[in-house]
Protein backbone atom coordinates (compact mmCIF):
# COMPACT_ATOMS: atom_id res chain seq x y z
CA UNK A 1 -19.02 3.77 15.57
CA UNK A 2 -20.64 5.51 12.48
CA UNK A 3 -20.93 4.35 8.88
CA UNK A 4 -18.02 4.09 6.79
CA UNK A 5 -17.20 7.08 4.77
CA UNK A 6 -17.01 6.86 0.69
CA UNK A 7 -14.10 4.62 0.13
CA UNK A 8 -11.93 4.38 -3.48
CA UNK A 9 -9.04 2.61 -4.33
CA UNK A 10 -6.05 3.92 -6.73
CA UNK A 11 -3.47 1.90 -7.70
CA UNK A 12 -0.20 4.09 -8.95
CA UNK A 13 1.31 2.47 -12.27
CA UNK A 14 4.55 4.10 -13.55
CA UNK A 15 6.40 2.68 -16.53
CA UNK A 16 10.03 3.41 -15.37
CA UNK A 17 11.28 1.18 -13.08
CA UNK A 18 15.25 0.36 -12.62
CA UNK A 19 14.74 -3.42 -12.31
CA UNK A 20 11.74 -3.73 -14.51
CA UNK A 21 11.13 -1.14 -17.45
CA UNK A 22 7.17 -0.95 -18.24
CA UNK A 23 6.18 -3.77 -15.25
CA UNK A 24 2.36 -2.31 -15.19
CA UNK A 25 2.28 -3.79 -19.00
CA UNK A 26 3.77 -7.20 -18.24
CA UNK A 27 1.98 -10.09 -19.96
CA UNK A 28 0.37 -12.35 -17.28
CA UNK A 29 -2.22 -15.00 -18.83
CA UNK A 30 -2.74 -12.91 -21.38
CA UNK A 31 -3.57 -9.77 -19.61
CA UNK A 32 -1.27 -6.92 -18.43
CA UNK A 33 -0.18 -6.83 -14.96
CA UNK A 34 -2.33 -3.84 -13.95
CA UNK A 35 -5.41 -5.55 -15.41
CA UNK A 36 -5.17 -8.14 -12.75
CA UNK A 37 -4.36 -5.96 -9.86
CA UNK A 38 -7.41 -3.76 -10.81
CA UNK A 39 -9.80 -6.73 -11.48
CA UNK A 40 -8.97 -8.13 -7.65
CA UNK A 41 -9.19 -4.94 -5.98
CA UNK A 42 -12.68 -3.88 -7.80
CA UNK A 43 -13.99 -7.21 -6.57
CA UNK A 44 -14.12 -5.28 -2.85
CA UNK A 45 -17.98 -4.35 -1.99
CA UNK A 46 -16.69 -1.49 0.30
CA UNK A 47 -14.96 0.39 -2.57
CA UNK A 48 -17.27 2.78 -4.52
CA UNK A 49 -14.33 2.76 -7.44
CA UNK A 50 -10.89 1.79 -8.51
CA UNK A 51 -8.99 3.51 -10.56
CA UNK A 52 -5.33 3.42 -12.31
CA UNK A 53 -2.70 6.60 -11.98
CA UNK A 54 -0.18 6.28 -14.30
CA UNK A 55 2.50 8.79 -16.11
CA UNK A 56 2.93 6.80 -19.46
CA UNK A 57 0.55 7.20 -22.26
CA UNK A 58 1.31 3.17 -23.27
CA UNK A 59 -0.02 2.62 -19.86
CA UNK A 60 -2.89 4.67 -20.26
CA UNK A 61 -4.04 3.45 -23.82
CA UNK A 62 -3.67 -0.11 -22.55
CA UNK A 63 -6.10 0.61 -19.28
CA UNK A 64 -8.62 1.98 -21.80
CA UNK A 65 -8.34 -0.95 -24.04
CA UNK A 66 -8.95 -3.07 -21.06
CA UNK A 67 -11.95 -1.02 -20.00
CA UNK A 68 -9.56 0.02 -16.43
CA UNK A 69 -10.46 3.28 -15.26
CA UNK A 70 -7.34 5.56 -15.55
CA UNK A 71 -6.03 9.12 -15.05
CA UNK A 72 -2.96 10.62 -16.29
CA UNK A 73 -0.58 12.10 -13.54
CA UNK A 74 2.51 13.94 -13.51
CA UNK A 75 5.94 11.90 -14.16
CA UNK A 76 7.99 13.71 -11.70
CA UNK A 77 6.30 12.85 -8.54
CA UNK A 78 8.72 12.01 -5.73
CA UNK A 79 6.63 9.17 -4.33
CA UNK A 80 3.46 7.01 -5.08
CA UNK A 81 1.78 8.80 -2.38
CA UNK A 82 1.97 12.31 -4.02
CA UNK A 83 0.61 10.30 -7.41
CA UNK A 84 -2.43 9.17 -5.35
CA UNK A 85 -3.07 12.50 -4.18
CA UNK A 86 -3.05 13.89 -7.37
CA UNK A 87 -5.38 11.23 -8.87
CA UNK A 88 -7.60 12.00 -6.03
CA UNK A 89 -7.88 15.45 -7.04
CA UNK A 90 -8.53 14.73 -10.70
CA UNK A 91 -11.02 12.36 -9.60
CA UNK A 92 -12.71 15.08 -7.33
CA UNK A 93 -12.96 12.69 -4.54
CA UNK A 94 -15.07 14.11 -1.24
CA UNK A 95 -13.02 15.50 1.65
CA UNK A 96 -14.44 12.81 3.64
CA UNK A 97 -13.32 9.93 1.42
CA UNK A 98 -10.80 7.43 2.13
CA UNK A 99 -8.24 6.42 -0.15
CA UNK A 100 -6.68 2.83 -0.55
CA UNK A 101 -3.20 2.90 -2.27
CA UNK A 102 -3.13 -0.39 -4.08
CA UNK A 103 0.62 -1.61 -5.23
CA UNK A 104 0.37 -2.20 -8.80
CA UNK A 105 2.76 -5.11 -8.92
CA UNK A 106 0.69 -7.40 -6.84
CA UNK A 107 -1.41 -9.22 -9.43
CA UNK A 108 -2.09 -11.61 -6.96
CA UNK A 109 -3.60 -9.33 -4.52
CA UNK A 110 -5.75 -10.83 -1.76
CA UNK A 111 -9.17 -9.79 -2.34
CA UNK A 112 -9.87 -9.01 0.89
CA UNK A 113 -7.20 -6.75 1.94
CA UNK A 114 -8.47 -3.84 0.72
CA UNK A 115 -11.76 -4.35 2.80
CA UNK A 116 -9.28 -4.82 5.85
CA UNK A 117 -7.75 -1.51 5.08
CA UNK A 118 -10.98 0.44 5.19
CA UNK A 119 -13.28 -1.36 7.83
CA UNK A 120 -11.35 0.71 10.59
CA UNK A 121 -12.53 3.79 9.18
CA UNK A 122 -16.12 3.41 10.56
CA UNK A 123 -14.22 4.96 13.79
CA UNK A 124 -13.97 8.63 13.04
CA UNK A 125 -10.61 9.23 15.12
CA UNK A 126 -8.74 6.51 12.52
CA UNK A 127 -6.86 8.72 10.30
CA UNK A 128 -4.81 6.35 8.41
CA UNK A 129 -4.56 2.29 8.18
CA UNK A 130 -2.01 -0.10 7.07
CA UNK A 131 -1.19 -4.00 7.89
CA UNK A 132 1.15 -6.13 9.42
CA UNK A 133 1.81 -9.84 10.17
CA UNK A 134 3.76 -11.88 12.51
CA UNK A 135 7.29 -13.16 11.57
CA UNK A 136 9.69 -15.18 13.49
CA UNK A 137 13.26 -13.69 14.92
CA UNK A 138 15.33 -14.81 12.04
CA UNK A 139 13.23 -13.08 9.32
CA UNK A 140 13.33 -9.82 11.54
CA UNK A 141 16.85 -9.47 11.47
CA UNK A 142 16.30 -8.64 7.37
CA UNK A 143 16.81 -4.95 7.16
CA UNK A 144 14.52 -5.33 3.79
CA UNK A 145 11.95 -6.13 6.07
CA UNK A 146 10.12 -3.58 7.68
CA UNK A 147 9.32 -3.89 11.18
CA UNK A 148 6.33 -2.11 13.43
CA UNK A 149 5.47 -1.99 16.90
CA UNK A 150 1.95 -1.22 17.98
CA UNK A 151 0.53 0.37 21.26
CA UNK A 152 -2.74 -1.41 23.02
CA UNK A 153 -4.95 0.06 20.71
CA UNK A 154 -3.40 -0.88 17.56
CA UNK A 155 -1.96 2.54 16.49
CA UNK A 156 1.93 2.27 15.16
CA UNK A 157 4.47 3.48 17.87
CA UNK A 158 7.42 3.00 15.48
CA UNK A 159 8.51 1.58 12.23
CA UNK A 160 12.14 0.39 11.70
CA UNK A 161 14.38 -1.90 9.51
CA UNK A 162 16.11 -2.88 12.69
CA UNK A 163 14.87 -5.62 14.78
CA UNK A 164 12.08 -4.00 17.15
CA UNK A 165 11.68 -4.62 19.85
CA UNK A 166 15.04 -5.20 21.01
CA UNK A 167 14.97 -8.09 23.49
CA UNK A 168 17.20 -7.57 26.59
CA UNK A 169 15.92 -10.28 28.73
CA UNK A 170 16.12 -14.14 27.67
CA UNK A 171 13.25 -15.22 29.10
CA UNK A 172 11.08 -12.69 26.67
CA UNK A 173 12.87 -14.20 23.47
CA UNK A 174 9.57 -15.53 22.10
CA UNK A 175 8.07 -12.06 21.73
CA UNK A 176 6.23 -11.44 18.41
CA UNK A 177 7.72 -9.53 15.61
CA UNK A 178 5.66 -7.77 13.49
CA UNK A 179 6.19 -7.38 9.70
CA UNK A 180 5.11 -4.20 8.13
CA UNK A 181 3.12 -4.63 4.72
CA UNK A 182 3.29 -1.88 2.72
CA UNK A 183 -0.56 -0.99 1.89
CA UNK A 184 -2.26 2.00 3.17
CA UNK A 185 -5.44 3.87 3.40
CA UNK A 186 -5.72 7.24 4.29
CA UNK A 187 -8.64 9.86 5.03
CA UNK A 188 -8.11 12.18 2.25
CA UNK A 189 -7.53 15.27 4.54
CA UNK A 190 -4.59 12.95 6.48
CA UNK A 191 -3.14 12.40 2.66
CA UNK A 192 -3.22 15.95 1.81
CA UNK A 193 -1.55 16.91 4.92
CA UNK A 194 1.17 13.98 4.59
CA UNK A 195 2.06 15.00 1.02
CA UNK A 196 2.49 18.62 1.84
CA UNK A 197 5.08 18.05 4.28
CA UNK A 198 8.75 17.78 3.73
CA UNK A 199 10.65 14.68 4.74
CA UNK A 200 11.15 14.29 8.48
CA UNK A 201 14.37 13.57 10.00
CA UNK A 202 13.42 9.81 10.98
CA UNK A 203 12.09 9.48 7.32
CA UNK A 204 15.54 10.38 6.15
CA UNK A 205 17.27 7.95 8.53
CA UNK A 206 15.44 4.90 7.93
CA UNK A 207 14.45 5.61 4.74
CA UNK A 208 10.57 4.98 5.73
CA UNK A 209 8.02 7.30 4.20
CA UNK A 210 5.38 6.46 6.84
CA UNK A 211 7.46 8.09 9.87
CA UNK A 212 6.84 11.38 8.28
CA UNK A 213 3.21 10.69 9.60
CA UNK A 214 4.28 9.71 12.95
CA UNK A 215 6.58 12.43 13.56
CA UNK A 216 3.84 14.91 12.52
CA UNK A 217 1.51 13.25 15.27
CA UNK A 218 -0.55 11.80 12.49
CA UNK A 219 -1.45 7.88 14.27
CA UNK A 220 -1.36 4.83 11.96
CA UNK A 221 -3.84 2.01 12.72
CA UNK A 222 -2.12 -1.24 12.17
CA UNK A 223 -4.32 -4.01 11.01
CA UNK A 224 -3.31 -7.72 11.79
CA UNK A 225 -3.55 -10.29 8.63
CA UNK A 226 -2.17 -13.16 7.38
CA UNK A 227 -1.67 -11.96 4.02
CA UNK A 228 2.14 -12.48 2.69
CA UNK A 229 1.82 -10.92 -0.65
CA UNK A 230 4.07 -11.22 -3.47
CA UNK A 231 5.28 -8.26 -5.37
CA UNK A 232 6.96 -8.46 -8.83
CA UNK A 233 10.08 -6.60 -8.78
CA UNK A 234 12.08 -8.38 -11.75
CA UNK A 235 11.25 -9.83 -15.21
CA UNK A 236 11.91 -13.49 -13.16
CA UNK A 237 9.37 -12.90 -10.67
CA UNK A 238 6.77 -13.56 -13.26
CA UNK A 239 7.67 -17.06 -13.25
CA UNK A 240 7.20 -17.41 -9.76
CA UNK A 241 3.76 -15.72 -9.77
CA UNK A 242 2.33 -17.83 -12.48
CA UNK A 243 1.38 -20.71 -10.23
CA UNK A 244 -0.46 -18.57 -7.72
CA UNK A 245 -2.25 -16.81 -10.66
CA UNK A 246 -3.64 -20.29 -11.87
CA UNK A 247 -4.71 -21.16 -8.63
CA UNK A 248 -6.68 -18.15 -8.02
């Protein structure tokens, strides 16, 4: 194993959201939501820098007010991964850098999560990492919960909205199901390749962007965790997150 390459985290923060416009600016205990995400990610000692990537002047100005590093990016990116790539270029990150994509709507982010994502990169063969945790069979039925199956080395074999693996024999009914948690870290070279590729056939069928990587033979190392996370999708979710924030 070698030492870790330089590691950075970028938090994409768009203003437009169908269910919650202006979500990154939502007030939580007197501060905008993006501030809490930044503060928790920045506490990871393995990260050299954490930066917000936005497409909106209101978010940019608020980030400067709260002393959160921020870059302005194109408003027309098709995905958060493309926004992350542009931000990495603006920041002039090294080719050997690792970039963590931190979801901007998880103000109660576990401080250990960025570290879990970047630690595997001490192995030079690791190109992309993500997270998964065990769920029960009933939870695995939900197509909104993306499942993943792994190889013996911990690499993703497939992601699906379907319940995978399919249990054919009743005596194997206690097989674990793994819920994919959508946090990623990429070597910058892998991220650059990823964002340069068109949507792949399986990606379009499942509506899962990460399948583009597997179809391009870029492996994704899946790190197991107990982390559950809680994303703020709608204004009413703010009432649900406040008790968690007060307990942190």
